[in-house]
Amino acid sequence: MPEMDGYDATQAIRASKTISNPRIYIIAMTASAMKGDKEKCLSVGMNDYVSKPVEPKALEKILNKWFGDEIENVLSVTA
């Protein structure tokens, strides 16, 4: 069992004084999408939310929303 869940991890990242890049995007991805999940994710400091099964077009829209012109750089690093 992990020490933190995504909510705790997000709050720790947002509260950290040692993060060198304050512009860290956190996008939740959950398999058990329930009513209110998106709002809870946003309330703890996540930037956005995607539920599984992931629809490629929806994921592309969210990635473009947050990374815009940087998307090609982001995708090349994660590939």
N, C-alpha and C. Protein backbone atom coordinates (compact mmCIF):
# COMPACT_ATOMS: atom_id res chain seq x y z
N MET A 1 0.85 -1.17 0.00
CA MET A 1 0.00 0.00 0.00
C MET A 1 0.90 1.24 0.00
N PRO A 2 0.63 2.16 -0.88
CA PRO A 2 1.48 3.35 -0.94
C PRO A 2 1.32 4.25 0.30
N GLU A 3 2.34 5.03 0.53
CA GLU A 3 2.33 5.97 1.66
C GLU A 3 1.30 7.09 1.45
N MET A 4 1.15 7.51 0.20
CA MET A 4 0.24 8.63 -0.12
C MET A 4 -0.63 8.25 -1.31
N ASP A 5 -1.82 8.80 -1.33
CA ASP A 5 -2.62 8.67 -2.54
C ASP A 5 -2.38 9.92 -3.39
N GLY A 6 -3.02 10.01 -4.52
CA GLY A 6 -2.82 11.14 -5.42
C GLY A 6 -3.21 12.47 -4.82
N TYR A 7 -4.22 12.45 -3.96
CA TYR A 7 -4.64 13.69 -3.30
C TYR A 7 -3.55 14.19 -2.35
N ASP A 8 -3.04 13.26 -1.54
CA ASP A 8 -1.98 13.63 -0.59
C ASP A 8 -0.71 14.08 -1.33
N ALA A 9 -0.37 13.36 -2.38
CA ALA A 9 0.83 13.70 -3.15
C ALA A 9 0.70 15.09 -3.77
N THR A 10 -0.46 15.38 -4.31
CA THR A 10 -0.68 16.70 -4.92
C THR A 10 -0.55 17.81 -3.88
N GLN A 11 -1.16 17.60 -2.73
CA GLN A 11 -1.08 18.61 -1.67
C GLN A 11 0.37 18.80 -1.21
N ALA A 12 1.13 17.72 -1.13
CA ALA A 12 2.53 17.82 -0.72
C ALA A 12 3.35 18.57 -1.76
N ILE A 13 3.10 18.30 -3.03
CA ILE A 13 3.82 19.01 -4.10
C ILE A 13 3.48 20.49 -4.06
N ARG A 14 2.20 20.80 -3.94
CA ARG A 14 1.78 22.21 -3.92
C ARG A 14 2.29 22.95 -2.69
N ALA A 15 2.45 22.26 -1.57
CA ALA A 15 2.90 22.89 -0.33
C ALA A 15 4.43 22.96 -0.22
N SER A 16 5.12 22.23 -1.08
CA SER A 16 6.58 22.14 -0.99
C SER A 16 7.26 23.48 -1.25
N LYS A 17 8.25 23.77 -0.45
CA LYS A 17 9.05 24.97 -0.64
C LYS A 17 10.32 24.65 -1.43
N THR A 18 10.53 23.36 -1.73
CA THR A 18 11.76 22.95 -2.41
C THR A 18 11.56 22.58 -3.88
N ILE A 19 10.34 22.64 -4.37
CA ILE A 19 10.09 22.34 -5.78
C ILE A 19 10.69 23.46 -6.62
N SER A 20 11.58 23.10 -7.52
CA SER A 20 12.27 24.13 -8.30
C SER A 20 11.41 24.70 -9.42
N ASN A 21 10.38 23.98 -9.85
CA ASN A 21 9.51 24.46 -10.92
C ASN A 21 8.09 24.56 -10.39
N PRO A 22 7.64 25.76 -10.07
CA PRO A 22 6.29 25.90 -9.51
C PRO A 22 5.19 25.62 -10.54
N ARG A 23 5.56 25.56 -11.82
CA ARG A 23 4.56 25.32 -12.87
C ARG A 23 4.49 23.83 -13.21
N ILE A 24 4.20 23.04 -12.23
CA ILE A 24 4.06 21.60 -12.42
C ILE A 24 2.58 21.32 -12.67
N TYR A 25 2.30 20.66 -13.77
CA TYR A 25 0.92 20.30 -14.08
C TYR A 25 0.63 18.92 -13.52
N ILE A 26 -0.47 18.81 -12.82
CA ILE A 26 -0.89 17.53 -12.27
C ILE A 26 -2.28 17.23 -12.82
N ILE A 27 -2.35 16.14 -13.57
CA ILE A 27 -3.61 15.73 -14.19
C ILE A 27 -3.99 14.37 -13.62
N ALA A 28 -5.11 14.32 -12.94
CA ALA A 28 -5.58 13.07 -12.33
C ALA A 28 -6.07 12.11 -13.40
N MET A 29 -5.81 10.83 -13.18
CA MET A 29 -6.35 9.80 -14.06
C MET A 29 -6.85 8.67 -13.15
N THR A 30 -8.14 8.42 -13.21
CA THR A 30 -8.72 7.44 -12.30
C THR A 30 -9.60 6.44 -13.03
N ALA A 31 -9.60 5.22 -12.55
CA ALA A 31 -10.43 4.16 -13.14
C ALA A 31 -11.79 4.08 -12.46
N SER A 32 -11.89 4.60 -11.29
CA SER A 32 -13.16 4.50 -10.57
C SER A 32 -13.82 5.87 -10.49
N ALA A 33 -14.21 6.37 -11.63
CA ALA A 33 -14.81 7.70 -11.70
C ALA A 33 -16.16 7.72 -11.00
N MET A 34 -16.25 8.59 -10.01
CA MET A 34 -17.48 8.74 -9.25
C MET A 34 -17.87 10.22 -9.25
N LYS A 35 -19.13 10.46 -9.02
CA LYS A 35 -19.61 11.84 -8.96
C LYS A 35 -18.82 12.60 -7.90
N GLY A 36 -18.31 13.76 -8.25
CA GLY A 36 -17.56 14.59 -7.32
C GLY A 36 -16.06 14.39 -7.37
N ASP A 37 -15.59 13.35 -8.08
CA ASP A 37 -14.14 13.09 -8.16
C ASP A 37 -13.39 14.26 -8.79
N LYS A 38 -13.91 14.76 -9.90
CA LYS A 38 -13.21 15.87 -10.58
C LYS A 38 -13.10 17.07 -9.65
N GLU A 39 -14.17 17.42 -8.98
CA GLU A 39 -14.16 18.56 -8.08
C GLU A 39 -13.17 18.36 -6.93
N LYS A 40 -13.11 17.14 -6.41
CA LYS A 40 -12.17 16.85 -5.32
C LYS A 40 -10.73 17.00 -5.82
N CYS A 41 -10.46 16.48 -7.02
CA CYS A 41 -9.11 16.59 -7.60
C CYS A 41 -8.71 18.06 -7.76
N LEU A 42 -9.61 18.84 -8.29
CA LEU A 42 -9.31 20.26 -8.50
C LEU A 42 -9.15 20.99 -7.17
N SER A 43 -9.92 20.59 -6.16
CA SER A 43 -9.86 21.29 -4.87
C SER A 43 -8.55 21.06 -4.12
N VAL A 44 -7.85 19.96 -4.39
CA VAL A 44 -6.57 19.71 -3.72
C VAL A 44 -5.38 20.24 -4.51
N GLY A 45 -5.65 20.84 -5.69
CA GLY A 45 -4.58 21.47 -6.44
C GLY A 45 -4.21 20.82 -7.76
N MET A 46 -4.94 19.80 -8.16
CA MET A 46 -4.68 19.22 -9.48
C MET A 46 -5.21 20.18 -10.53
N ASN A 47 -4.58 20.13 -11.70
CA ASN A 47 -4.98 21.04 -12.76
C ASN A 47 -6.17 20.54 -13.57
N ASP A 48 -6.26 19.22 -13.71
CA ASP A 48 -7.34 18.67 -14.53
C ASP A 48 -7.56 17.21 -14.17
N TYR A 49 -8.46 16.57 -14.90
CA TYR A 49 -8.94 15.24 -14.55
C TYR A 49 -9.32 14.48 -15.80
N VAL A 50 -8.92 13.21 -15.87
CA VAL A 50 -9.30 12.31 -16.96
C VAL A 50 -9.75 11.01 -16.32
N SER A 51 -10.87 10.47 -16.78
CA SER A 51 -11.31 9.18 -16.24
C SER A 51 -11.02 8.07 -17.24
N LYS A 52 -10.83 6.87 -16.71
CA LYS A 52 -10.60 5.70 -17.56
C LYS A 52 -11.94 5.04 -17.85
N PRO A 53 -12.11 4.40 -18.96
CA PRO A 53 -11.12 4.28 -20.03
C PRO A 53 -10.89 5.62 -20.70
N VAL A 54 -9.64 5.89 -20.98
CA VAL A 54 -9.25 7.18 -21.55
C VAL A 54 -9.63 7.22 -23.02
N GLU A 55 -10.32 8.27 -23.36
CA GLU A 55 -10.65 8.52 -24.76
C GLU A 55 -9.50 9.34 -25.35
N PRO A 56 -8.84 8.85 -26.40
CA PRO A 56 -7.68 9.55 -26.95
C PRO A 56 -7.93 11.03 -27.26
N LYS A 57 -9.07 11.34 -27.84
CA LYS A 57 -9.35 12.75 -28.17
C LYS A 57 -9.49 13.61 -26.91
N ALA A 58 -10.09 13.06 -25.87
CA ALA A 58 -10.24 13.80 -24.61
C ALA A 58 -8.88 14.04 -23.98
N LEU A 59 -8.01 13.02 -24.00
CA LEU A 59 -6.67 13.17 -23.46
C LEU A 59 -5.87 14.18 -24.27
N GLU A 60 -5.98 14.12 -25.58
CA GLU A 60 -5.28 15.07 -26.44
C GLU A 60 -5.73 16.51 -26.14
N LYS A 61 -7.01 16.70 -25.93
CA LYS A 61 -7.56 18.03 -25.62
C LYS A 61 -6.98 18.57 -24.32
N ILE A 62 -6.92 17.71 -23.30
CA ILE A 62 -6.40 18.15 -22.00
C ILE A 62 -4.91 18.45 -22.09
N LEU A 63 -4.16 17.58 -22.77
CA LEU A 63 -2.72 17.82 -22.91
C LEU A 63 -2.45 19.12 -23.67
N ASN A 64 -3.21 19.36 -24.72
CA ASN A 64 -3.05 20.62 -25.46
C ASN A 64 -3.43 21.82 -24.62
N LYS A 65 -4.44 21.67 -23.78
CA LYS A 65 -4.88 22.76 -22.91
C LYS A 65 -3.74 23.21 -21.99
N TRP A 66 -3.03 22.25 -21.40
CA TRP A 66 -2.02 22.59 -20.42
C TRP A 66 -0.62 22.76 -20.99
N PHE A 67 -0.31 22.04 -22.06
CA PHE A 67 1.05 22.10 -22.59
C PHE A 67 1.17 22.89 -23.88
N GLY A 68 0.05 23.11 -24.58
CA GLY A 68 0.03 23.93 -25.78
C GLY A 68 1.18 23.64 -26.73
N ASP A 69 1.97 24.67 -26.98
CA ASP A 69 3.08 24.56 -27.93
C ASP A 69 4.19 23.64 -27.43
N GLU A 70 4.19 23.33 -26.14
CA GLU A 70 5.21 22.46 -25.57
C GLU A 70 4.89 20.98 -25.76
N ILE A 71 3.73 20.66 -26.32
CA ILE A 71 3.27 19.28 -26.37
C ILE A 71 4.24 18.34 -27.06
N GLU A 72 4.87 18.76 -28.11
CA GLU A 72 5.81 17.88 -28.82
C GLU A 72 7.00 17.57 -27.92
N ASN A 73 7.48 18.54 -27.15
CA ASN A 73 8.58 18.29 -26.22
C ASN A 73 8.15 17.33 -25.12
N VAL A 74 6.96 17.49 -24.61
CA VAL A 74 6.45 16.63 -23.54
C VAL A 74 6.33 15.20 -24.04
N LEU A 75 5.75 15.02 -25.22
CA LEU A 75 5.55 13.68 -25.75
C LEU A 75 6.88 13.01 -26.08
N SER A 76 7.86 13.76 -26.54
CA SER A 76 9.15 13.14 -26.88
C SER A 76 9.90 12.69 -25.62
N VAL A 77 9.68 13.37 -24.50
CA VAL A 77 10.34 12.99 -23.24
C VAL A 77 9.69 11.75 -22.64
N THR A 78 8.37 11.62 -22.78
CA THR A 78 7.67 10.51 -22.15
C THR A 78 7.62 9.28 -23.02
N ALA A 79 8.02 9.36 -24.25
CA ALA A 79 7.94 8.20 -25.16
C ALA A 79 9.06 7.22 -24.90
